[in-house]
Amino acid sequence: MRDTGAGMSEADLAAALEPFRQVSTRPKSDGTFTEGTGLGLPLTKALVEANEAVFTIRSKVDQGTLVEVAFPPARVLAGQS
């Protein structure tokens, strides 16, 4: 997945991957801030790795974030009967 949002610095990205940690974000157009528990990225990463897949995240401030999940062929069931 890719977004063109605020992006994160390396320090923010490291913090965002820790359970219950949140990084400060810029206000949305209505002046409010995005809220959450700080579990989205850590939980996603854990589930991906538990399924023997690879989780990669890259982010740059003011450019957005790219998250990739790659499953090895042995873990993909498409086309199997």
PDB file of N, CA and C in Angstrom:
ATOM      1  N   MET A   1       0.844  -1.142   0.000  1.00  0.00           N
ATOM      2  CA  MET A   1       0.000   0.000   0.000  1.00  0.00           C
ATOM      3  C   MET A   1       0.902   1.220   0.000  1.00  0.00           C
ATOM      4  N   ARG A   2       0.432   2.267  -0.643  1.00  0.00           N
ATOM      5  CA  ARG A   2       1.185   3.512  -0.665  1.00  0.00           C
ATOM      6  C   ARG A   2       0.224   4.660  -0.377  1.00  0.00           C
ATOM      7  N   ASP A   3       0.701   5.611   0.406  1.00  0.00           N
ATOM      8  CA  ASP A   3      -0.073   6.829   0.587  1.00  0.00           C
ATOM      9  C   ASP A   3       0.838   8.025   0.361  1.00  0.00           C
ATOM     10  N   THR A   4       0.231   9.144   0.164  1.00  0.00           N
ATOM     11  CA  THR A   4       0.990  10.377  -0.060  1.00  0.00           C
ATOM     12  C   THR A   4       0.746  11.343   1.087  1.00  0.00           C
ATOM     13  N   GLY A   5       0.592  10.788   2.282  1.00  0.00           N
ATOM     14  CA  GLY A   5       0.323  11.594   3.467  1.00  0.00           C
ATOM     15  C   GLY A   5       1.577  12.263   3.998  1.00  0.00           C
ATOM     16  N   ALA A   6       1.564  12.536   5.283  1.00  0.00           N
ATOM     17  CA  ALA A   6       2.645  13.287   5.923  1.00  0.00           C
ATOM     18  C   ALA A   6       3.957  12.518   5.960  1.00  0.00           C
ATOM     19  N   GLY A   7       3.904  11.199   5.926  1.00  0.00           N
ATOM     20  CA  GLY A   7       5.117  10.402   6.027  1.00  0.00           C
ATOM     21  C   GLY A   7       5.683  10.432   7.433  1.00  0.00           C
ATOM     22  N   MET A   8       6.743   9.648   7.658  1.00  0.00           N
ATOM     23  CA  MET A   8       7.362   9.567   8.978  1.00  0.00           C
ATOM     24  C   MET A   8       8.876   9.586   8.832  1.00  0.00           C
ATOM     25  N   SER A   9       9.526  10.157   9.834  1.00  0.00           N
ATOM     26  CA  SER A   9      10.982  10.096   9.901  1.00  0.00           C
ATOM     27  C   SER A   9      11.376   8.684  10.328  1.00  0.00           C
ATOM     28  N   GLU A  10      12.664   8.366  10.256  1.00  0.00           N
ATOM     29  CA  GLU A  10      13.117   7.045  10.701  1.00  0.00           C
ATOM     30  C   GLU A  10      12.807   6.826  12.177  1.00  0.00           C
ATOM     31  N   ALA A  11      12.981   7.868  12.988  1.00  0.00           N
ATOM     32  CA  ALA A  11      12.687   7.754  14.422  1.00  0.00           C
ATOM     33  C   ALA A  11      11.194   7.523  14.652  1.00  0.00           C
ATOM     34  N   ASP A  12      10.342   8.256  13.928  1.00  0.00           N
ATOM     35  CA  ASP A  12       8.891   8.066  14.050  1.00  0.00           C
ATOM     36  C   ASP A  12       8.483   6.676  13.590  1.00  0.00           C
ATOM     37  N   LEU A  13       9.097   6.207  12.512  1.00  0.00           N
ATOM     38  CA  LEU A  13       8.774   4.888  11.983  1.00  0.00           C
ATOM     39  C   LEU A  13       9.133   3.806  12.997  1.00  0.00           C
ATOM     40  N   ALA A  14      10.302   3.921  13.611  1.00  0.00           N
ATOM     41  CA  ALA A  14      10.701   2.950  14.638  1.00  0.00           C
ATOM     42  C   ALA A  14       9.706   2.962  15.797  1.00  0.00           C
ATOM     43  N   ALA A  15       9.275   4.135  16.211  1.00  0.00           N
ATOM     44  CA  ALA A  15       8.302   4.246  17.307  1.00  0.00           C
ATOM     45  C   ALA A  15       6.954   3.659  16.897  1.00  0.00           C
ATOM     46  N   ALA A  16       6.524   3.917  15.665  1.00  0.00           N
ATOM     47  CA  ALA A  16       5.223   3.445  15.192  1.00  0.00           C
ATOM     48  C   ALA A  16       5.157   1.927  15.113  1.00  0.00           C
ATOM     49  N   LEU A  17       6.298   1.268  15.020  1.00  0.00           N
ATOM     50  CA  LEU A  17       6.322  -0.195  14.961  1.00  0.00           C
ATOM     51  C   LEU A  17       6.344  -0.845  16.338  1.00  0.00           C
ATOM     52  N   GLU A  18       6.389  -0.027  17.393  1.00  0.00           N
ATOM     53  CA  GLU A  18       6.336  -0.548  18.757  1.00  0.00           C
ATOM     54  C   GLU A  18       4.883  -0.530  19.241  1.00  0.00           C
ATOM     55  N   PRO A  19       4.429  -1.622  19.887  1.00  0.00           N
ATOM     56  CA  PRO A  19       3.045  -1.656  20.368  1.00  0.00           C
ATOM     57  C   PRO A  19       2.711  -0.491  21.296  1.00  0.00           C
ATOM     58  N   PHE A  20       1.539   0.061  21.087  1.00  0.00           N
ATOM     59  CA  PHE A  20       0.964   1.156  21.882  1.00  0.00           C
ATOM     60  C   PHE A  20       1.717   2.472  21.757  1.00  0.00           C
ATOM     61  N   ARG A  21       2.633   2.584  20.809  1.00  0.00           N
ATOM     62  CA  ARG A  21       3.332   3.849  20.574  1.00  0.00           C
ATOM     63  C   ARG A  21       2.648   4.564  19.420  1.00  0.00           C
ATOM     64  N   GLN A  22       2.510   5.831  19.550  1.00  0.00           N
ATOM     65  CA  GLN A  22       1.922   6.649  18.500  1.00  0.00           C
ATOM     66  C   GLN A  22       2.897   7.758  18.159  1.00  0.00           C
ATOM     67  N   VAL A  23       2.866   8.166  16.911  1.00  0.00           N
ATOM     68  CA  VAL A  23       3.705   9.285  16.508  1.00  0.00           C
ATOM     69  C   VAL A  23       2.807  10.497  16.329  1.00  0.00           C
ATOM     70  N   SER A  24       3.353  11.658  16.583  1.00  0.00           N
ATOM     71  CA  SER A  24       2.536  12.859  16.430  1.00  0.00           C
ATOM     72  C   SER A  24       2.282  13.093  14.948  1.00  0.00           C
ATOM     73  N   THR A  25       1.080  13.494  14.659  1.00  0.00           N
ATOM     74  CA  THR A  25       0.693  13.751  13.277  1.00  0.00           C
ATOM     75  C   THR A  25       0.235  15.189  13.137  1.00  0.00           C
ATOM     76  N   ARG A  26       0.219  15.634  11.924  1.00  0.00           N
ATOM     77  CA  ARG A  26      -0.297  16.975  11.648  1.00  0.00           C
ATOM     78  C   ARG A  26      -1.821  16.942  11.700  1.00  0.00           C
ATOM     79  N   PRO A  27      -2.433  18.072  12.004  1.00  0.00           N
ATOM     80  CA  PRO A  27      -3.895  18.079  12.030  1.00  0.00           C
ATOM     81  C   PRO A  27      -4.483  17.860  10.635  1.00  0.00           C
ATOM     82  N   LYS A  28      -5.659  17.208  10.613  1.00  0.00           N
ATOM     83  CA  LYS A  28      -6.392  17.037   9.359  1.00  0.00           C
ATOM     84  C   LYS A  28      -6.976  18.384   8.959  1.00  0.00           C
ATOM     85  N   SER A  29      -7.591  18.438   7.793  1.00  0.00           N
ATOM     86  CA  SER A  29      -8.120  19.700   7.276  1.00  0.00           C
ATOM     87  C   SER A  29      -9.171  20.319   8.194  1.00  0.00           C
ATOM     88  N   ASP A  30      -9.842  19.482   9.010  1.00  0.00           N
ATOM     89  CA  ASP A  30     -10.857  20.015   9.926  1.00  0.00           C
ATOM     90  C   ASP A  30     -10.271  20.395  11.287  1.00  0.00           C
ATOM     91  N   GLY A  31      -8.931  20.308  11.422  1.00  0.00           N
ATOM     92  CA  GLY A  31      -8.271  20.709  12.652  1.00  0.00           C
ATOM     93  C   GLY A  31      -8.143  19.607  13.687  1.00  0.00           C
ATOM     94  N   THR A  32      -8.731  18.439  13.422  1.00  0.00           N
ATOM     95  CA  THR A  32      -8.620  17.327  14.356  1.00  0.00           C
ATOM     96  C   THR A  32      -7.402  16.479  14.002  1.00  0.00           C
ATOM     97  N   PHE A  33      -7.036  15.598  14.934  1.00  0.00           N
ATOM     98  CA  PHE A  33      -5.913  14.709  14.713  1.00  0.00           C
ATOM     99  C   PHE A  33      -6.416  13.283  14.588  1.00  0.00           C
ATOM    100  N   THR A  34      -5.668  12.468  13.860  1.00  0.00           N
ATOM    101  CA  THR A  34      -5.996  11.054  13.754  1.00  0.00           C
ATOM    102  C   THR A  34      -5.722  10.395  15.099  1.00  0.00           C
ATOM    103  N   GLU A  35      -6.657   9.577  15.545  1.00  0.00           N
ATOM    104  CA  GLU A  35      -6.487   8.881  16.811  1.00  0.00           C
ATOM    105  C   GLU A  35      -6.349   7.390  16.551  1.00  0.00           C
ATOM    106  N   GLY A  36      -5.736   6.705  17.464  1.00  0.00           N
ATOM    107  CA  GLY A  36      -5.607   5.259  17.352  1.00  0.00           C
ATOM    108  C   GLY A  36      -5.005   4.699  18.626  1.00  0.00           C
ATOM    109  N   THR A  37      -4.832   3.383  18.632  1.00  0.00           N
ATOM    110  CA  THR A  37      -4.281   2.724  19.810  1.00  0.00           C
ATOM    111  C   THR A  37      -2.790   2.498  19.702  1.00  0.00           C
ATOM    112  N   GLY A  38      -2.237   2.652  18.508  1.00  0.00           N
ATOM    113  CA  GLY A  38      -0.832   2.360  18.320  1.00  0.00           C
ATOM    114  C   GLY A  38      -0.579   0.873  18.111  1.00  0.00           C
ATOM    115  N   LEU A  39      -1.594   0.155  17.649  1.00  0.00           N
ATOM    116  CA  LEU A  39      -1.440  -1.281  17.420  1.00  0.00           C
ATOM    117  C   LEU A  39      -1.456  -1.676  15.953  1.00  0.00           C
ATOM    118  N   GLY A  40      -1.899  -0.811  15.068  1.00  0.00           N
ATOM    119  CA  GLY A  40      -2.074  -1.172  13.660  1.00  0.00           C
ATOM    120  C   GLY A  40      -0.828  -1.716  12.996  1.00  0.00           C
ATOM    121  N   LEU A  41       0.245  -0.955  12.981  1.00  0.00           N
ATOM    122  CA  LEU A  41       1.471  -1.412  12.328  1.00  0.00           C
ATOM    123  C   LEU A  41       2.125  -2.587  13.056  1.00  0.00           C
ATOM    124  N   PRO A  42       2.275  -2.537  14.396  1.00  0.00           N
ATOM    125  CA  PRO A  42       2.899  -3.684  15.058  1.00  0.00           C
ATOM    126  C   PRO A  42       2.108  -4.987  14.880  1.00  0.00           C
ATOM    127  N   LEU A  43       0.796  -4.904  14.938  1.00  0.00           N
ATOM    128  CA  LEU A  43      -0.031  -6.096  14.781  1.00  0.00           C
ATOM    129  C   LEU A  43       0.061  -6.632  13.355  1.00  0.00           C
ATOM    130  N   THR A  44      -0.004  -5.741  12.380  1.00  0.00           N
ATOM    131  CA  THR A  44       0.122  -6.154  10.983  1.00  0.00           C
ATOM    132  C   THR A  44       1.461  -6.833  10.747  1.00  0.00           C
ATOM    133  N   LYS A  45       2.534  -6.219  11.237  1.00  0.00           N
ATOM    134  CA  LYS A  45       3.875  -6.794  11.066  1.00  0.00           C
ATOM    135  C   LYS A  45       3.960  -8.173  11.713  1.00  0.00           C
ATOM    136  N   ALA A  46       3.418  -8.330  12.903  1.00  0.00           N
ATOM    137  CA  ALA A  46       3.456  -9.619  13.600  1.00  0.00           C
ATOM    138  C   ALA A  46       2.667 -10.689  12.845  1.00  0.00           C
ATOM    139  N   LEU A  47       1.495 -10.333  12.338  1.00  0.00           N
ATOM    140  CA  LEU A  47       0.685 -11.299  11.590  1.00  0.00           C
ATOM    141  C   LEU A  47       1.362 -11.705  10.287  1.00  0.00           C
ATOM    142  N   VAL A  48       1.964 -10.740   9.622  1.00  0.00           N
ATOM    143  CA  VAL A  48       2.680 -11.030   8.372  1.00  0.00           C
ATOM    144  C   VAL A  48       3.826 -12.000   8.648  1.00  0.00           C
ATOM    145  N   GLU A  49       4.635 -11.690   9.654  1.00  0.00           N
ATOM    146  CA  GLU A  49       5.786 -12.531   9.965  1.00  0.00           C
ATOM    147  C   GLU A  49       5.367 -13.906  10.488  1.00  0.00           C
ATOM    148  N   ALA A  50       4.241 -13.991  11.195  1.00  0.00           N
ATOM    149  CA  ALA A  50       3.739 -15.281  11.673  1.00  0.00           C
ATOM    150  C   ALA A  50       3.330 -16.181  10.511  1.00  0.00           C
ATOM    151  N   ASN A  51       3.027 -15.568   9.377  1.00  0.00           N
ATOM    152  CA  ASN A  51       2.655 -16.317   8.178  1.00  0.00           C
ATOM    153  C   ASN A  51       3.827 -16.477   7.216  1.00  0.00           C
ATOM    154  N   GLU A  52       5.035 -16.303   7.751  1.00  0.00           N
ATOM    155  CA  GLU A  52       6.271 -16.497   6.999  1.00  0.00           C
ATOM    156  C   GLU A  52       6.382 -15.584   5.782  1.00  0.00           C
ATOM    157  N   ALA A  53       5.792 -14.421   5.880  1.00  0.00           N
ATOM    158  CA  ALA A  53       5.883 -13.425   4.807  1.00  0.00           C
ATOM    159  C   ALA A  53       6.862 -12.335   5.251  1.00  0.00           C
ATOM    160  N   VAL A  54       7.146 -11.426   4.337  1.00  0.00           N
ATOM    161  CA  VAL A  54       8.080 -10.334   4.611  1.00  0.00           C
ATOM    162  C   VAL A  54       7.312  -9.021   4.657  1.00  0.00           C
ATOM    163  N   PHE A  55       7.538  -8.246   5.699  1.00  0.00           N
ATOM    164  CA  PHE A  55       6.903  -6.940   5.894  1.00  0.00           C
ATOM    165  C   PHE A  55       7.972  -5.870   5.699  1.00  0.00           C
ATOM    166  N   THR A  56       7.729  -4.967   4.780  1.00  0.00           N
ATOM    167  CA  THR A  56       8.664  -3.874   4.527  1.00  0.00           C
ATOM    168  C   THR A  56       7.896  -2.564   4.572  1.00  0.00           C
ATOM    169  N   ILE A  57       8.458  -1.582   5.244  1.00  0.00           N
ATOM    170  CA  ILE A  57       7.828  -0.267   5.297  1.00  0.00           C
ATOM    171  C   ILE A  57       8.890   0.797   5.069  1.00  0.00           C
ATOM    172  N   ARG A  58       8.573   1.719   4.181  1.00  0.00           N
ATOM    173  CA  ARG A  58       9.455   2.852   3.899  1.00  0.00           C
ATOM    174  C   ARG A  58       8.619   4.115   3.973  1.00  0.00           C
ATOM    175  N   SER A  59       9.182   5.142   4.544  1.00  0.00           N
ATOM    176  CA  SER A  59       8.441   6.386   4.692  1.00  0.00           C
ATOM    177  C   SER A  59       9.403   7.562   4.635  1.00  0.00           C
ATOM    178  N   LYS A  60       8.926   8.655   4.066  1.00  0.00           N
ATOM    179  CA  LYS A  60       9.695   9.897   4.028  1.00  0.00           C
ATOM    180  C   LYS A  60       8.764  11.040   4.403  1.00  0.00           C
ATOM    181  N   VAL A  61       9.259  11.893   5.271  1.00  0.00           N
ATOM    182  CA  VAL A  61       8.473  13.040   5.703  1.00  0.00           C
ATOM    183  C   VAL A  61       8.062  13.864   4.479  1.00  0.00           C
ATOM    184  N   ASP A  62       6.813  14.265   4.461  1.00  0.00           N
ATOM    185  CA  ASP A  62       6.204  15.067   3.387  1.00  0.00           C
ATOM    186  C   ASP A  62       6.084  14.338   2.055  1.00  0.00           C
ATOM    187  N   GLN A  63       6.379  13.032   2.033  1.00  0.00           N
ATOM    188  CA  GLN A  63       6.252  12.284   0.780  1.00  0.00           C
ATOM    189  C   GLN A  63       5.330  11.080   0.893  1.00  0.00           C
ATOM    190  N   GLY A  64       5.119  10.581   2.102  1.00  0.00           N
ATOM    191  CA  GLY A  64       4.214   9.457   2.282  1.00  0.00           C
ATOM    192  C   GLY A  64       4.911   8.195   2.724  1.00  0.00           C
ATOM    193  N   THR A  65       4.152   7.092   2.674  1.00  0.00           N
ATOM    194  CA  THR A  65       4.614   5.819   3.208  1.00  0.00           C
ATOM    195  C   THR A  65       4.264   4.700   2.237  1.00  0.00           C
ATOM    196  N   LEU A  66       5.169   3.728   2.141  1.00  0.00           N
ATOM    197  CA  LEU A  66       4.955   2.540   1.325  1.00  0.00           C
ATOM    198  C   LEU A  66       5.101   1.327   2.234  1.00  0.00           C
ATOM    199  N   VAL A  67       4.068   0.479   2.253  1.00  0.00           N
ATOM    200  CA  VAL A  67       4.106  -0.770   3.013  1.00  0.00           C
ATOM    201  C   VAL A  67       3.940  -1.909   2.020  1.00  0.00           C
ATOM    202  N   GLU A  68       4.865  -2.876   2.099  1.00  0.00           N
ATOM    203  CA  GLU A  68       4.804  -4.033   1.211  1.00  0.00           C
ATOM    204  C   GLU A  68       4.770  -5.313   2.041  1.00  0.00           C
ATOM    205  N   VAL A  69       3.963  -6.265   1.584  1.00  0.00           N
ATOM    206  CA  VAL A  69       3.895  -7.587   2.190  1.00  0.00           C
ATOM    207  C   VAL A  69       4.141  -8.583   1.067  1.00  0.00           C
ATOM    208  N   ALA A  70       5.130  -9.449   1.249  1.00  0.00           N
ATOM    209  CA  ALA A  70       5.461 -10.437   0.223  1.00  0.00           C
ATOM    210  C   ALA A  70       5.410 -11.835   0.829  1.00  0.00           C
ATOM    211  N   PHE A  71       4.518 -12.658   0.295  1.00  0.00           N
ATOM    212  CA  PHE A  71       4.394 -14.038   0.755  1.00  0.00           C
ATOM    213  C   PHE A  71       5.245 -14.946  -0.124  1.00  0.00           C
ATOM    214  N   PRO A  72       5.941 -15.902   0.465  1.00  0.00           N
ATOM    215  CA  PRO A  72       6.708 -16.848  -0.341  1.00  0.00           C
ATOM    216  C   PRO A  72       5.747 -17.763  -1.102  1.00  0.00           C
ATOM    217  N   PRO A  73       6.151 -18.282  -2.249  1.00  0.00           N
ATOM    218  CA  PRO A  73       5.257 -19.129  -3.043  1.00  0.00           C
ATOM    219  C   PRO A  73       4.628 -20.281  -2.260  1.00  0.00           C
ATOM    220  N   ALA A  74       5.352 -20.843  -1.327  1.00  0.00           N
ATOM    221  CA  ALA A  74       4.823 -21.975  -0.551  1.00  0.00           C
ATOM    222  C   ALA A  74       3.647 -21.571   0.340  1.00  0.00           C
ATOM    223  N   ARG A  75       3.492 -20.286   0.626  1.00  0.00           N
ATOM    224  CA  ARG A  75       2.410 -19.812   1.489  1.00  0.00           C
ATOM    225  C   ARG A  75       1.209 -19.298   0.705  1.00  0.00           C
ATOM    226  N   VAL A  76       1.280 -19.323  -0.621  1.00  0.00           N
ATOM    227  CA  VAL A  76       0.197 -18.813  -1.467  1.00  0.00           C
ATOM    228  C   VAL A  76      -0.647 -19.991  -1.949  1.00  0.00           C
ATOM    229  N   LEU A  77      -1.957 -19.915  -1.745  1.00  0.00           N
ATOM    230  CA  LEU A  77      -2.841 -21.037  -2.086  1.00  0.00           C
ATOM    231  C   LEU A  77      -3.545 -20.865  -3.426  1.00  0.00           C
ATOM    232  N   ALA A  78      -3.385 -19.732  -4.085  1.00  0.00           N
ATOM    233  CA  ALA A  78      -4.089 -19.464  -5.344  1.00  0.00           C
ATOM    234  C   ALA A  78      -3.808 -20.567  -6.375  1.00  0.00           C
ATOM    235  N   GLY A  79      -4.874 -21.043  -7.016  1.00  0.00           N
ATOM    236  CA  GLY A  79      -4.735 -22.020  -8.071  1.00  0.00           C
ATOM    237  C   GLY A  79      -4.600 -23.461  -7.589  1.00  0.00           C
ATOM    238  N   GLN A  80      -4.593 -23.677  -6.284  1.00  0.00           N
ATOM    239  CA  GLN A  80      -4.480 -25.050  -5.775  1.00  0.00           C
ATOM    240  C   GLN A  80      -5.870 -25.636  -5.570  1.00  0.00           C
ATOM    241  N   SER A  81      -6.029 -26.899  -5.886  1.00  0.00           N
ATOM    242  CA  SER A  81      -7.325 -27.578  -5.698  1.00  0.00           C
ATOM    243  C   SER A  81      -7.320 -28.438  -4.481  1.00  0.00           C
TER     244      SER A  81
END
